[in-house]
Amino acid sequence: MDQRWFLRKERGDYGPYSWEQMQQYAREGRLEKEDLVKSDAMAEWATASEVPGLSSLVRGASPSTHAKTDPAFSVVVNTIF
């Protein structure tokens, strides 16, 4: 998928990202199931849990939970998001 992907979290919109980046963020827990995502090919925003290829990777935990247990996660989140 060579499309550009965008992410909408509580603090704003982010991107563009590659499909591979979106999958990596989901694996790392930085993309939550209720976060909104959209590609150039999509007419509407969808939750990450609705997107094939992301739905099986996303977690329901919030970034603040990870930040409390993993200080490095907090640095990455603040850098990317």
PDB file of N, CA and C in Angstrom:
ATOM      1  N   MET A   1       0.839  -1.181   0.000  1.00  0.00           N
ATOM      2  CA  MET A   1       0.000   0.000   0.000  1.00  0.00           C
ATOM      3  C   MET A   1       0.888   1.250   0.000  1.00  0.00           C
ATOM      4  N   ASP A   2       0.908   1.951  -1.115  1.00  0.00           N
ATOM      5  CA  ASP A   2       1.725   3.152  -1.224  1.00  0.00           C
ATOM      6  C   ASP A   2       0.945   4.410  -0.878  1.00  0.00           C
ATOM      7  N   GLN A   3      -0.196   4.255  -0.282  1.00  0.00           N
ATOM      8  CA  GLN A   3      -1.016   5.405   0.070  1.00  0.00           C
ATOM      9  C   GLN A   3      -0.451   6.112   1.301  1.00  0.00           C
ATOM     10  N   ARG A   4      -0.803   7.370   1.415  1.00  0.00           N
ATOM     11  CA  ARG A   4      -0.467   8.118   2.631  1.00  0.00           C
ATOM     12  C   ARG A   4      -1.566   7.866   3.643  1.00  0.00           C
ATOM     13  N   TRP A   5      -1.163   7.669   4.898  1.00  0.00           N
ATOM     14  CA  TRP A   5      -2.105   7.416   5.989  1.00  0.00           C
ATOM     15  C   TRP A   5      -2.012   8.534   7.008  1.00  0.00           C
ATOM     16  N   PHE A   6      -3.151   8.824   7.620  1.00  0.00           N
ATOM     17  CA  PHE A   6      -3.229   9.879   8.630  1.00  0.00           C
ATOM     18  C   PHE A   6      -3.872   9.311   9.886  1.00  0.00           C
ATOM     19  N   LEU A   7      -3.520   9.899  10.997  1.00  0.00           N
ATOM     20  CA  LEU A   7      -3.988   9.440  12.293  1.00  0.00           C
ATOM     21  C   LEU A   7      -4.601  10.614  13.035  1.00  0.00           C
ATOM     22  N   ARG A   8      -5.768  10.394  13.625  1.00  0.00           N
ATOM     23  CA  ARG A   8      -6.430  11.424  14.429  1.00  0.00           C
ATOM     24  C   ARG A   8      -6.523  10.912  15.862  1.00  0.00           C
ATOM     25  N   LYS A   9      -5.810  11.600  16.751  1.00  0.00           N
ATOM     26  CA  LYS A   9      -5.851  11.297  18.174  1.00  0.00           C
ATOM     27  C   LYS A   9      -6.480  12.497  18.880  1.00  0.00           C
ATOM     28  N   GLU A  10      -6.644  12.386  20.183  1.00  0.00           N
ATOM     29  CA  GLU A  10      -7.270  13.467  20.946  1.00  0.00           C
ATOM     30  C   GLU A  10      -6.581  14.815  20.746  1.00  0.00           C
ATOM     31  N   ARG A  11      -5.274  14.800  20.598  1.00  0.00           N
ATOM     32  CA  ARG A  11      -4.534  16.059  20.521  1.00  0.00           C
ATOM     33  C   ARG A  11      -4.398  16.614  19.105  1.00  0.00           C
ATOM     34  N   GLY A  12      -4.924  15.924  18.106  1.00  0.00           N
ATOM     35  CA  GLY A  12      -4.865  16.464  16.754  1.00  0.00           C
ATOM     36  C   GLY A  12      -4.684  15.402  15.685  1.00  0.00           C
ATOM     37  N   ASP A  13      -4.441  15.885  14.463  1.00  0.00           N
ATOM     38  CA  ASP A  13      -4.223  15.023  13.309  1.00  0.00           C
ATOM     39  C   ASP A  13      -2.730  14.921  13.037  1.00  0.00           C
ATOM     40  N   TYR A  14      -2.300  13.727  12.605  1.00  0.00           N
ATOM     41  CA  TYR A  14      -0.885  13.476  12.372  1.00  0.00           C
ATOM     42  C   TYR A  14      -0.702  12.721  11.069  1.00  0.00           C
ATOM     43  N   GLY A  15       0.455  12.867  10.475  1.00  0.00           N
ATOM     44  CA  GLY A  15       0.770  12.169   9.240  1.00  0.00           C
ATOM     45  C   GLY A  15       1.276  13.157   8.208  1.00  0.00           C
ATOM     46  N   PRO A  16       1.590  12.696   7.059  1.00  0.00           N
ATOM     47  CA  PRO A  16       1.284  11.358   6.555  1.00  0.00           C
ATOM     48  C   PRO A  16       2.289  10.313   7.029  1.00  0.00           C
ATOM     49  N   TYR A  17       1.797   9.067   7.076  1.00  0.00           N
ATOM     50  CA  TYR A  17       2.601   7.909   7.412  1.00  0.00           C
ATOM     51  C   TYR A  17       2.436   6.872   6.318  1.00  0.00           C
ATOM     52  N   SER A  18       3.399   5.978   6.225  1.00  0.00           N
ATOM     53  CA  SER A  18       3.277   4.845   5.301  1.00  0.00           C
ATOM     54  C   SER A  18       2.437   3.761   5.977  1.00  0.00           C
ATOM     55  N   TRP A  19       1.964   2.821   5.196  1.00  0.00           N
ATOM     56  CA  TRP A  19       1.209   1.697   5.736  1.00  0.00           C
ATOM     57  C   TRP A  19       2.078   0.911   6.732  1.00  0.00           C
ATOM     58  N   GLU A  20       3.340   0.734   6.388  1.00  0.00           N
ATOM     59  CA  GLU A  20       4.250   0.000   7.268  1.00  0.00           C
ATOM     60  C   GLU A  20       4.408   0.713   8.615  1.00  0.00           C
ATOM     61  N   GLN A  21       4.471   2.041   8.597  1.00  0.00           N
ATOM     62  CA  GLN A  21       4.556   2.792   9.849  1.00  0.00           C
ATOM     63  C   GLN A  21       3.295   2.610  10.686  1.00  0.00           C
ATOM     64  N   MET A  22       2.146   2.639  10.040  1.00  0.00           N
ATOM     65  CA  MET A  22       0.885   2.460  10.766  1.00  0.00           C
ATOM     66  C   MET A  22       0.841   1.091  11.432  1.00  0.00           C
ATOM     67  N   GLN A  23       1.258   0.066  10.722  1.00  0.00           N
ATOM     68  CA  GLN A  23       1.275  -1.275  11.298  1.00  0.00           C
ATOM     69  C   GLN A  23       2.260  -1.362  12.457  1.00  0.00           C
ATOM     70  N   GLN A  24       3.414  -0.738  12.304  1.00  0.00           N
ATOM     71  CA  GLN A  24       4.411  -0.749  13.377  1.00  0.00           C
ATOM     72  C   GLN A  24       3.876  -0.030  14.613  1.00  0.00           C
ATOM     73  N   TYR A  25       3.236   1.116  14.429  1.00  0.00           N
ATOM     74  CA  TYR A  25       2.657   1.845  15.559  1.00  0.00           C
ATOM     75  C   TYR A  25       1.620   0.984  16.279  1.00  0.00           C
ATOM     76  N   ALA A  26       0.825   0.244  15.500  1.00  0.00           N
ATOM     77  CA  ALA A  26      -0.182  -0.631  16.101  1.00  0.00           C
ATOM     78  C   ALA A  26       0.491  -1.741  16.911  1.00  0.00           C
ATOM     79  N   ARG A  27       1.533  -2.346  16.344  1.00  0.00           N
ATOM     80  CA  ARG A  27       2.253  -3.410  17.062  1.00  0.00           C
ATOM     81  C   ARG A  27       2.864  -2.898  18.360  1.00  0.00           C
ATOM     82  N   GLU A  28       3.332  -1.666  18.341  1.00  0.00           N
ATOM     83  CA  GLU A  28       3.997  -1.084  19.511  1.00  0.00           C
ATOM     84  C   GLU A  28       3.013  -0.530  20.534  1.00  0.00           C
ATOM     85  N   GLY A  29       1.739  -0.536  20.201  1.00  0.00           N
ATOM     86  CA  GLY A  29       0.738  -0.029  21.122  1.00  0.00           C
ATOM     87  C   GLY A  29       0.533   1.473  21.053  1.00  0.00           C
ATOM     88  N   ARG A  30       1.122   2.128  20.072  1.00  0.00           N
ATOM     89  CA  ARG A  30       0.953   3.579  19.927  1.00  0.00           C
ATOM     90  C   ARG A  30      -0.317   3.936  19.159  1.00  0.00           C
ATOM     91  N   LEU A  31      -0.914   2.950  18.532  1.00  0.00           N
ATOM     92  CA  LEU A  31      -2.161   3.138  17.798  1.00  0.00           C
ATOM     93  C   LEU A  31      -3.220   2.331  18.528  1.00  0.00           C
ATOM     94  N   GLU A  32      -4.238   3.007  19.021  1.00  0.00           N
ATOM     95  CA  GLU A  32      -5.290   2.359  19.793  1.00  0.00           C
ATOM     96  C   GLU A  32      -6.473   2.017  18.898  1.00  0.00           C
ATOM     97  N   LYS A  33      -7.288   1.069  19.345  1.00  0.00           N
ATOM     98  CA  LYS A  33      -8.391   0.597  18.504  1.00  0.00           C
ATOM     99  C   LYS A  33      -9.411   1.683  18.190  1.00  0.00           C
ATOM    100  N   GLU A  34      -9.563   2.679  19.048  1.00  0.00           N
ATOM    101  CA  GLU A  34     -10.534   3.747  18.816  1.00  0.00           C
ATOM    102  C   GLU A  34      -9.933   4.985  18.135  1.00  0.00           C
ATOM    103  N   ASP A  35      -8.621   4.976  17.885  1.00  0.00           N
ATOM    104  CA  ASP A  35      -8.020   6.088  17.150  1.00  0.00           C
ATOM    105  C   ASP A  35      -8.575   6.091  15.733  1.00  0.00           C
ATOM    106  N   LEU A  36      -8.759   7.259  15.180  1.00  0.00           N
ATOM    107  CA  LEU A  36      -9.270   7.373  13.815  1.00  0.00           C
ATOM    108  C   LEU A  36      -8.106   7.388  12.836  1.00  0.00           C
ATOM    109  N   VAL A  37      -8.274   6.677  11.730  1.00  0.00           N
ATOM    110  CA  VAL A  37      -7.264   6.621  10.679  1.00  0.00           C
ATOM    111  C   VAL A  37      -7.945   6.857   9.333  1.00  0.00           C
ATOM    112  N   LYS A  38      -7.140   7.320   8.393  1.00  0.00           N
ATOM    113  CA  LYS A  38      -7.676   7.594   7.060  1.00  0.00           C
ATOM    114  C   LYS A  38      -6.528   7.530   6.067  1.00  0.00           C
ATOM    115  N   SER A  39      -6.778   6.944   4.922  1.00  0.00           N
ATOM    116  CA  SER A  39      -5.796   6.944   3.838  1.00  0.00           C
ATOM    117  C   SER A  39      -6.305   7.854   2.728  1.00  0.00           C
ATOM    118  N   ASP A  40      -5.434   8.123   1.783  1.00  0.00           N
ATOM    119  CA  ASP A  40      -5.834   8.935   0.630  1.00  0.00           C
ATOM    120  C   ASP A  40      -7.024   8.326  -0.108  1.00  0.00           C
ATOM    121  N   ALA A  41      -7.134   7.002  -0.062  1.00  0.00           N
ATOM    122  CA  ALA A  41      -8.185   6.311  -0.804  1.00  0.00           C
ATOM    123  C   ALA A  41      -9.516   6.235  -0.056  1.00  0.00           C
ATOM    124  N   MET A  42      -9.519   6.623   1.218  1.00  0.00           N
ATOM    125  CA  MET A  42     -10.739   6.521   2.027  1.00  0.00           C
ATOM    126  C   MET A  42     -11.495   7.844   2.019  1.00  0.00           C
ATOM    127  N   ALA A  43     -12.808   7.769   1.869  1.00  0.00           N
ATOM    128  CA  ALA A  43     -13.638   8.971   1.882  1.00  0.00           C
ATOM    129  C   ALA A  43     -13.883   9.470   3.306  1.00  0.00           C
ATOM    130  N   GLU A  44     -13.921   8.552   4.269  1.00  0.00           N
ATOM    131  CA  GLU A  44     -14.241   8.887   5.660  1.00  0.00           C
ATOM    132  C   GLU A  44     -13.170   8.344   6.605  1.00  0.00           C
ATOM    133  N   TRP A  45     -13.066   8.940   7.774  1.00  0.00           N
ATOM    134  CA  TRP A  45     -12.220   8.420   8.836  1.00  0.00           C
ATOM    135  C   TRP A  45     -12.850   7.139   9.363  1.00  0.00           C
ATOM    136  N   ALA A  46     -12.030   6.197   9.797  1.00  0.00           N
ATOM    137  CA  ALA A  46     -12.497   4.948  10.408  1.00  0.00           C
ATOM    138  C   ALA A  46     -11.657   4.670  11.649  1.00  0.00           C
ATOM    139  N   THR A  47     -12.228   3.932  12.585  1.00  0.00           N
ATOM    140  CA  THR A  47     -11.420   3.552  13.740  1.00  0.00           C
ATOM    141  C   THR A  47     -10.386   2.527  13.277  1.00  0.00           C
ATOM    142  N   ALA A  48      -9.265   2.500  13.953  1.00  0.00           N
ATOM    143  CA  ALA A  48      -8.204   1.555  13.594  1.00  0.00           C
ATOM    144  C   ALA A  48      -8.705   0.122  13.663  1.00  0.00           C
ATOM    145  N   SER A  49      -9.645  -0.140  14.565  1.00  0.00           N
ATOM    146  CA  SER A  49     -10.182  -1.496  14.692  1.00  0.00           C
ATOM    147  C   SER A  49     -11.043  -1.911  13.497  1.00  0.00           C
ATOM    148  N   GLU A  50     -11.434  -0.966  12.654  1.00  0.00           N
ATOM    149  CA  GLU A  50     -12.256  -1.260  11.474  1.00  0.00           C
ATOM    150  C   GLU A  50     -11.422  -1.484  10.215  1.00  0.00           C
ATOM    151  N   VAL A  51     -10.138  -1.224  10.283  1.00  0.00           N
ATOM    152  CA  VAL A  51      -9.293  -1.277   9.090  1.00  0.00           C
ATOM    153  C   VAL A  51      -8.582  -2.631   9.013  1.00  0.00           C
ATOM    154  N   PRO A  52      -8.875  -3.415   7.963  1.00  0.00           N
ATOM    155  CA  PRO A  52      -8.175  -4.694   7.806  1.00  0.00           C
ATOM    156  C   PRO A  52      -6.668  -4.470   7.770  1.00  0.00           C
ATOM    157  N   GLY A  53      -5.953  -5.301   8.480  1.00  0.00           N
ATOM    158  CA  GLY A  53      -4.506  -5.149   8.551  1.00  0.00           C
ATOM    159  C   GLY A  53      -4.054  -4.371   9.776  1.00  0.00           C
ATOM    160  N   LEU A  54      -4.945  -3.590  10.357  1.00  0.00           N
ATOM    161  CA  LEU A  54      -4.652  -2.898  11.611  1.00  0.00           C
ATOM    162  C   LEU A  54      -5.471  -3.480  12.752  1.00  0.00           C
ATOM    163  N   SER A  55      -6.686  -3.920  12.439  1.00  0.00           N
ATOM    164  CA  SER A  55      -7.622  -4.355  13.479  1.00  0.00           C
ATOM    165  C   SER A  55      -7.053  -5.461  14.354  1.00  0.00           C
ATOM    166  N   SER A  56      -6.281  -6.357  13.782  1.00  0.00           N
ATOM    167  CA  SER A  56      -5.726  -7.452  14.580  1.00  0.00           C
ATOM    168  C   SER A  56      -4.486  -7.021  15.359  1.00  0.00           C
ATOM    169  N   LEU A  57      -3.967  -5.843  15.072  1.00  0.00           N
ATOM    170  CA  LEU A  57      -2.733  -5.382  15.715  1.00  0.00           C
ATOM    171  C   LEU A  57      -2.951  -4.356  16.822  1.00  0.00           C
ATOM    172  N   VAL A  58      -4.050  -3.618  16.760  1.00  0.00           N
ATOM    173  CA  VAL A  58      -4.257  -2.522  17.713  1.00  0.00           C
ATOM    174  C   VAL A  58      -4.633  -3.036  19.095  1.00  0.00           C
ATOM    175  N   ARG A  59      -4.295  -2.234  20.074  1.00  0.00           N
ATOM    176  CA  ARG A  59      -4.604  -2.546  21.465  1.00  0.00           C
ATOM    177  C   ARG A  59      -5.567  -1.503  21.994  1.00  0.00           C
ATOM    178  N   GLY A  60      -6.203  -1.807  23.087  1.00  0.00           N
ATOM    179  CA  GLY A  60      -7.144  -0.873  23.701  1.00  0.00           C
ATOM    180  C   GLY A  60      -6.534   0.004  24.765  1.00  0.00           C
ATOM    181  N   ALA A  61      -5.275  -0.197  25.114  1.00  0.00           N
ATOM    182  CA  ALA A  61      -4.646   0.576  26.174  1.00  0.00           C
ATOM    183  C   ALA A  61      -4.350   1.991  25.714  1.00  0.00           C
ATOM    184  N   SER A  62      -4.374   2.926  26.637  1.00  0.00           N
ATOM    185  CA  SER A  62      -4.092   4.318  26.303  1.00  0.00           C
ATOM    186  C   SER A  62      -2.598   4.577  26.404  1.00  0.00           C
ATOM    187  N   PRO A  63      -2.079   5.570  25.662  1.00  0.00           N
ATOM    188  CA  PRO A  63      -0.655   5.900  25.743  1.00  0.00           C
ATOM    189  C   PRO A  63      -0.213   6.252  27.159  1.00  0.00           C
ATOM    190  N   SER A  64      -1.083   6.851  27.944  1.00  0.00           N
ATOM    191  CA  SER A  64      -0.688   7.220  29.298  1.00  0.00           C
ATOM    192  C   SER A  64      -0.372   5.985  30.126  1.00  0.00           C
ATOM    193  N   THR A  65      -1.049   4.873  29.850  1.00  0.00           N
ATOM    194  CA  THR A  65      -0.752   3.626  30.548  1.00  0.00           C
ATOM    195  C   THR A  65       0.650   3.163  30.209  1.00  0.00           C
ATOM    196  N   HIS A  66       1.000   3.205  28.916  1.00  0.00           N
ATOM    197  CA  HIS A  66       2.332   2.794  28.500  1.00  0.00           C
ATOM    198  C   HIS A  66       3.391   3.744  29.042  1.00  0.00           C
ATOM    199  N   ALA A  67       3.102   5.011  29.024  1.00  0.00           N
ATOM    200  CA  ALA A  67       4.078   6.002  29.481  1.00  0.00           C
ATOM    201  C   ALA A  67       4.424   5.787  30.952  1.00  0.00           C
ATOM    202  N   LYS A  68       3.465   5.346  31.737  1.00  0.00           N
ATOM    203  CA  LYS A  68       3.730   5.109  33.156  1.00  0.00           C
ATOM    204  C   LYS A  68       4.632   3.903  33.355  1.00  0.00           C
ATOM    205  N   THR A  69       4.542   2.917  32.469  1.00  0.00           N
ATOM    206  CA  THR A  69       5.323   1.699  32.640  1.00  0.00           C
ATOM    207  C   THR A  69       6.586   1.690  31.804  1.00  0.00           C
ATOM    208  N   ASP A  70       6.663   2.509  30.784  1.00  0.00           N
ATOM    209  CA  ASP A  70       7.816   2.519  29.902  1.00  0.00           C
ATOM    210  C   ASP A  70       8.186   3.963  29.550  1.00  0.00           C
ATOM    211  N   PRO A  71       9.163   4.548  30.232  1.00  0.00           N
ATOM    212  CA  PRO A  71       9.538   5.942  29.964  1.00  0.00           C
ATOM    213  C   PRO A  71       9.955   6.186  28.521  1.00  0.00           C
ATOM    214  N   ALA A  72      10.554   5.201  27.875  1.00  0.00           N
ATOM    215  CA  ALA A  72      10.965   5.375  26.480  1.00  0.00           C
ATOM    216  C   ALA A  72       9.755   5.573  25.581  1.00  0.00           C
ATOM    217  N   PHE A  73       8.668   4.902  25.893  1.00  0.00           N
ATOM    218  CA  PHE A  73       7.442   5.052  25.117  1.00  0.00           C
ATOM    219  C   PHE A  73       6.982   6.495  25.143  1.00  0.00           C
ATOM    220  N   SER A  74       7.043   7.125  26.292  1.00  0.00           N
ATOM    221  CA  SER A  74       6.624   8.508  26.443  1.00  0.00           C
ATOM    222  C   SER A  74       7.424   9.422  25.532  1.00  0.00           C
ATOM    223  N   VAL A  75       8.709   9.198  25.432  1.00  0.00           N
ATOM    224  CA  VAL A  75       9.564  10.009  24.568  1.00  0.00           C
ATOM    225  C   VAL A  75       9.160   9.836  23.113  1.00  0.00           C
ATOM    226  N   VAL A  76       8.946   8.599  22.684  1.00  0.00           N
ATOM    227  CA  VAL A  76       8.565   8.326  21.304  1.00  0.00           C
ATOM    228  C   VAL A  76       7.221   8.934  20.981  1.00  0.00           C
ATOM    229  N   VAL A  77       6.245   8.768  21.853  1.00  0.00           N
ATOM    230  CA  VAL A  77       4.914   9.331  21.615  1.00  0.00           C
ATOM    231  C   VAL A  77       4.993  10.835  21.477  1.00  0.00           C
ATOM    232  N   ASN A  78       5.711  11.493  22.361  1.00  0.00           N
ATOM    233  CA  ASN A  78       5.810  12.946  22.296  1.00  0.00           C
ATOM    234  C   ASN A  78       6.560  13.401  21.045  1.00  0.00           C
ATOM    235  N   THR A  79       7.476  12.584  20.544  1.00  0.00           N
ATOM    236  CA  THR A  79       8.212  12.927  19.331  1.00  0.00           C
ATOM    237  C   THR A  79       7.352  12.759  18.096  1.00  0.00           C
ATOM    238  N   ILE A  80       6.597  11.662  18.030  1.00  0.00           N
ATOM    239  CA  ILE A  80       5.805  11.351  16.837  1.00  0.00           C
ATOM    240  C   ILE A  80       4.467  12.036  16.861  1.00  0.00           C
ATOM    241  N   PHE A  81       3.799  12.028  17.995  1.00  0.00           N
ATOM    242  CA  PHE A  81       2.464  12.570  18.074  1.00  0.00           C
ATOM    243  C   PHE A  81       2.556  13.903  18.743  1.00  0.00           C
TER     244      PHE A  81
END
